[in-house]
N, C-alpha and C. Protein backbone atom coordinates (compact mmCIF):
# COMPACT_ATOMS: atom_id res chain seq x y z
N MET A 1 0.88 -1.12 -0.18
CA MET A 1 -0.06 -0.30 0.37
C MET A 1 1.16 1.30 0.08
N ALA A 2 0.50 2.33 -0.78
CA ALA A 2 1.18 3.63 -0.70
C ALA A 2 0.61 4.61 0.59
N VAL A 3 1.60 4.94 1.42
CA VAL A 3 1.75 5.38 2.26
C VAL A 3 1.69 7.03 2.35
N ILE A 4 0.91 7.98 3.43
CA ILE A 4 1.26 9.34 3.21
C ILE A 4 1.55 9.58 5.02
N ASP A 5 2.35 10.56 5.38
CA ASP A 5 2.51 10.78 6.20
C ASP A 5 1.33 12.15 6.91
N GLU A 6 1.31 12.08 8.26
CA GLU A 6 0.65 12.89 8.68
C GLU A 6 0.60 14.83 8.13
N ALA A 7 1.62 14.69 7.34
CA ALA A 7 1.95 16.00 7.25
C ALA A 7 1.67 16.26 5.35
N GLY A 8 1.56 14.71 4.81
CA GLY A 8 0.90 15.14 3.31
C GLY A 8 2.36 14.66 2.68
N ASN A 9 3.49 14.43 2.89
CA ASN A 9 4.30 13.79 2.30
C ASN A 9 4.50 12.07 2.06
N PRO A 10 4.55 11.75 0.78
CA PRO A 10 4.46 10.48 0.37
C PRO A 10 5.61 9.73 1.04
N LEU A 11 5.65 8.62 1.88
CA LEU A 11 6.51 7.61 2.44
C LEU A 11 6.71 6.79 1.39
N GLY A 12 6.09 6.54 0.47
CA GLY A 12 6.25 5.31 -0.68
C GLY A 12 5.29 4.11 -0.48
N VAL A 13 5.63 3.06 -1.46
CA VAL A 13 4.74 1.80 -0.95
C VAL A 13 5.28 0.74 0.01
N MET A 14 4.57 -0.06 0.95
CA MET A 14 5.59 -0.48 1.80
C MET A 14 3.78 -1.69 2.06
N ASP A 15 4.73 -2.83 3.18
CA ASP A 15 3.56 -3.50 3.77
C ASP A 15 2.87 -2.91 4.68
N THR A 16 1.42 -3.78 4.98
CA THR A 16 0.78 -3.19 6.28
C THR A 16 1.44 -3.20 7.70
N GLY A 17 2.08 -4.07 7.39
CA GLY A 17 2.56 -4.28 8.93
C GLY A 17 3.53 -3.03 9.54
N ARG A 18 4.29 -2.98 8.57
CA ARG A 18 5.43 -1.89 8.68
C ARG A 18 4.74 -0.35 8.70
N ALA A 19 4.18 -0.18 7.71
CA ALA A 19 3.18 1.06 7.66
C ALA A 19 2.42 1.17 9.20
N LEU A 20 2.19 0.27 9.81
CA LEU A 20 0.93 0.17 11.21
C LEU A 20 2.15 0.77 12.42
N ALA A 21 3.40 -0.18 12.07
CA ALA A 21 4.22 0.06 13.17
C ALA A 21 4.55 1.84 12.56
N LEU A 22 4.73 2.52 11.56
CA LEU A 22 5.37 3.95 11.65
C LEU A 22 3.94 4.30 12.56
N ALA A 23 2.92 4.10 11.95
CA ALA A 23 1.99 5.34 13.28
C ALA A 23 1.50 4.88 14.34
N GLN A 24 1.45 3.55 15.20
CA GLN A 24 1.62 3.60 16.77
C GLN A 24 2.85 4.28 17.00
N ASP A 25 4.56 4.36 16.40
CA ASP A 25 5.16 5.20 16.93
C ASP A 25 5.37 6.23 17.10
N LYS A 26 4.41 6.82 15.90
CA LYS A 26 4.18 8.59 15.95
C LYS A 26 2.78 8.69 17.25
N GLY A 27 2.06 7.48 17.72
CA GLY A 27 0.96 7.79 18.24
C GLY A 27 -0.39 7.87 17.62
N LEU A 28 -0.55 7.84 16.52
CA LEU A 28 -1.58 8.23 15.38
C LEU A 28 -2.11 6.55 14.81
N ASP A 29 -3.19 7.08 14.07
CA ASP A 29 -4.04 6.15 13.13
C ASP A 29 -3.29 5.72 11.81
N LEU A 30 -3.30 4.54 11.08
CA LEU A 30 -3.39 4.23 9.92
C LEU A 30 -4.93 4.42 9.42
N VAL A 31 -5.45 5.19 8.44
CA VAL A 31 -6.40 5.33 7.94
C VAL A 31 -6.40 4.34 6.47
N GLU A 32 -7.37 4.07 6.12
CA GLU A 32 -7.57 4.01 4.44
C GLU A 32 -8.14 4.48 3.62
N VAL A 33 -7.40 5.72 2.91
CA VAL A 33 -8.30 6.47 2.52
C VAL A 33 -8.92 7.01 0.47
N ALA A 34 -7.95 5.83 0.49
CA ALA A 34 -8.66 5.21 -1.46
C ALA A 34 -8.20 3.83 -1.72
N PRO A 35 -9.31 2.98 -0.91
CA PRO A 35 -8.95 1.59 -0.86
C PRO A 35 -9.16 1.11 -2.63
N MET A 36 -10.03 1.98 -3.53
CA MET A 36 -10.06 1.31 -4.60
C MET A 36 -8.60 1.71 -5.83
N ALA A 37 -7.80 2.43 -4.83
CA ALA A 37 -6.54 2.94 -6.00
C ALA A 37 -5.51 1.80 -6.37
N LYS A 38 -4.81 1.48 -6.97
CA LYS A 38 -3.94 0.71 -7.32
C LYS A 38 -2.64 1.24 -6.75
N PRO A 39 -1.85 1.01 -6.46
CA PRO A 39 -2.21 0.34 -4.79
C PRO A 39 -3.23 0.97 -3.88
N PRO A 40 -3.63 0.82 -3.06
CA PRO A 40 -4.70 1.31 -2.16
C PRO A 40 -3.73 2.56 -1.11
N VAL A 41 -4.25 3.42 -0.91
CA VAL A 41 -3.62 4.44 -0.32
C VAL A 41 -3.80 4.59 1.03
N CYS A 42 -3.28 4.33 2.02
CA CYS A 42 -3.26 4.99 3.48
C CYS A 42 -2.75 6.17 3.75
N LYS A 43 -2.66 6.56 4.82
CA LYS A 43 -2.70 8.29 5.95
C LYS A 43 -2.00 7.48 7.12
N ILE A 44 -1.11 8.41 7.52
CA ILE A 44 -1.30 8.34 9.25
C ILE A 44 -1.48 9.52 9.42
N LEU A 45 -2.61 9.66 10.34
CA LEU A 45 -3.42 10.62 10.81
C LEU A 45 -4.01 10.15 12.34
N ASN A 46 -4.72 11.46 12.77
CA ASN A 46 -5.24 11.40 14.00
C ASN A 46 -6.87 10.95 13.34
N TYR A 47 -7.32 9.94 14.16
CA TYR A 47 -8.50 9.43 13.30
C TYR A 47 -10.02 10.19 13.89
N GLY A 48 -9.94 10.55 15.19
CA GLY A 48 -11.13 11.40 15.67
C GLY A 48 -10.98 13.06 15.07
N ALA A 49 -9.73 13.52 14.50
CA ALA A 49 -9.29 15.09 14.18
C ALA A 49 -10.22 14.44 12.49
N PHE A 50 -9.67 13.51 11.63
CA PHE A 50 -10.04 13.05 10.31
C PHE A 50 -11.72 12.87 10.38
N GLN A 51 -12.10 12.07 11.27
CA GLN A 51 -13.66 12.38 11.69
C GLN A 51 -14.83 13.62 12.19
N PHE A 52 -14.24 14.32 12.65
CA PHE A 52 -14.21 15.74 12.69
C PHE A 52 -15.05 16.65 11.55
N GLN A 53 -13.42 16.75 10.57
CA GLN A 53 -13.56 17.50 9.34
C GLN A 53 -14.03 16.90 8.50
N LEU A 54 -14.37 15.18 8.47
CA LEU A 54 -15.66 15.05 7.38
C LEU A 54 -16.99 15.51 7.51
N GLU A 55 -17.27 15.22 9.30
CA GLU A 55 -18.42 15.80 9.84
C GLU A 55 -18.76 17.13 9.38
N LYS A 56 -17.71 18.17 9.57
CA LYS A 56 -17.92 19.29 9.43
C LYS A 56 -18.21 19.70 7.65
N LYS A 57 -17.55 19.03 6.94
CA LYS A 57 -17.57 19.18 5.71
C LYS A 57 -19.35 19.06 4.70
N GLU A 58 -19.68 17.97 5.53
CA GLU A 58 -21.07 17.31 5.26
C GLU A 58 -22.27 18.15 6.09
N ARG A 59 -22.15 18.81 7.04
CA ARG A 59 -22.59 19.55 7.81
C ARG A 59 -23.04 21.30 6.92
N LYS A 60 -21.64 21.50 6.34
CA LYS A 60 -21.57 22.93 5.45
C LYS A 60 -22.16 22.56 4.48
N ALA A 61 -21.94 21.36 3.50
CA ALA A 61 -22.65 21.11 2.57
C ALA A 61 -24.48 20.93 2.78
N LYS A 62 -24.60 20.44 3.98
CA LYS A 62 -25.97 20.23 4.02
C LYS A 62 -26.62 21.66 3.89
N ALA A 63 -25.92 22.86 4.68
CA ALA A 63 -26.05 23.66 4.85
C ALA A 63 -26.57 24.77 3.51
N HIS A 64 -25.76 24.43 2.62
CA HIS A 64 -25.85 25.30 1.45
C HIS A 64 -27.01 24.65 0.61
N GLN A 65 -27.64 23.63 1.04
CA GLN A 65 -28.20 23.06 0.17
C GLN A 65 -29.53 23.84 0.22
N LYS A 66 -30.34 23.84 -1.01
CA LYS A 66 -32.04 24.70 -1.15
C LYS A 66 -32.90 23.90 -0.74
N LYS A 67 -33.98 23.76 -0.24
CA LYS A 67 -35.18 23.50 0.20
C LYS A 67 -35.93 23.59 -0.63
N VAL A 68 -36.61 22.91 -1.48
CA VAL A 68 -37.97 23.34 -2.05
C VAL A 68 -39.16 22.28 -1.50
N GLU A 69 -40.05 23.29 -1.15
CA GLU A 69 -41.26 22.61 -0.36
C GLU A 69 -42.64 22.71 -1.56
N LEU A 70 -43.46 21.73 -2.22
CA LEU A 70 -44.55 21.78 -2.59
C LEU A 70 -45.71 21.78 -2.43
N LYS A 71 -46.74 22.05 -2.07
CA LYS A 71 -47.98 21.99 -1.95
C LYS A 71 -48.77 21.35 -2.71
N VAL A 72 -49.59 20.20 -2.97
CA VAL A 72 -50.10 19.72 -4.15
C VAL A 72 -51.85 19.53 -2.92
N LYS A 73 -52.96 20.17 -3.98
CA LYS A 73 -53.94 20.21 -3.77
C LYS A 73 -54.66 19.28 -4.65
N PRO A 74 -55.68 18.54 -4.25
CA PRO A 74 -56.65 17.84 -5.74
C PRO A 74 -57.59 19.33 -5.96
N LYS A 75 -57.74 18.97 -7.09
CA LYS A 75 -58.38 20.02 -7.83
C LYS A 75 -59.62 19.08 -8.58
N LEU A 76 -60.43 19.58 -8.12
CA LEU A 76 -62.36 19.09 -8.79
C LEU A 76 -62.39 19.86 -9.44
N PRO A 77 -62.82 19.61 -10.97
CA PRO A 77 -63.94 19.95 -12.12
C PRO A 77 -64.84 20.64 -11.50
N SER A 78 -65.42 21.97 -12.47
CA SER A 78 -65.91 23.05 -11.29
C SER A 78 -67.52 22.13 -11.17
N LYS A 79 -68.40 21.33 -11.69
CA LYS A 79 -69.47 20.75 -11.89
C LYS A 79 -69.54 19.81 -10.54
N GLN A 80 -68.17 19.39 -10.41
CA GLN A 80 -68.41 18.28 -8.91
C GLN A 80 -68.21 19.14 -7.48
N SER A 81 -67.22 20.45 -7.39
CA SER A 81 -67.34 21.07 -6.21
C SER A 81 -68.63 21.76 -6.22
N LYS A 82 -69.59 22.18 -7.11
CA LYS A 82 -70.98 22.50 -6.87
C LYS A 82 -71.75 21.42 -6.43
N HIS A 83 -71.26 20.15 -6.81
CA HIS A 83 -72.38 19.08 -6.36
C HIS A 83 -72.02 18.77 -5.08
N ASN A 84 -70.33 18.93 -4.39
CA ASN A 84 -70.45 18.61 -3.16
C ASN A 84 -70.54 20.03 -2.39
N SER A 85 -70.66 21.26 -3.06
CA SER A 85 -70.86 21.80 -1.58
C SER A 85 -72.31 22.03 -1.44
N LYS A 86 -73.41 21.45 -2.72
CA LYS A 86 -74.77 21.62 -2.24
C LYS A 86 -75.08 20.49 -0.94
N GLN A 87 -74.35 19.29 -1.38
CA GLN A 87 -74.22 18.50 -0.46
C GLN A 87 -73.76 18.63 1.00
N ALA A 88 -73.09 19.22 1.51
CA ALA A 88 -72.25 19.47 2.74
C ALA A 88 -73.43 20.65 3.54
């Protein structure tokens, strides 16, 4: 797997055990950021801060969405509405 350090510098391609040992030595986590890439890309970072940044992006994107509300009312032909109003 390709490994990137916490500063964003590429460390090269290495096996999982070595990458995990590097992350543990630094007191950080090894997070897979691009599993479909060839080779998969992992990043050494603080997972809690990473999750916070993702949630922050999602909240910001959700705040900028436009909300559209549609009101749908049944429309009766004029003869039916007269007939229904006489019955009531």
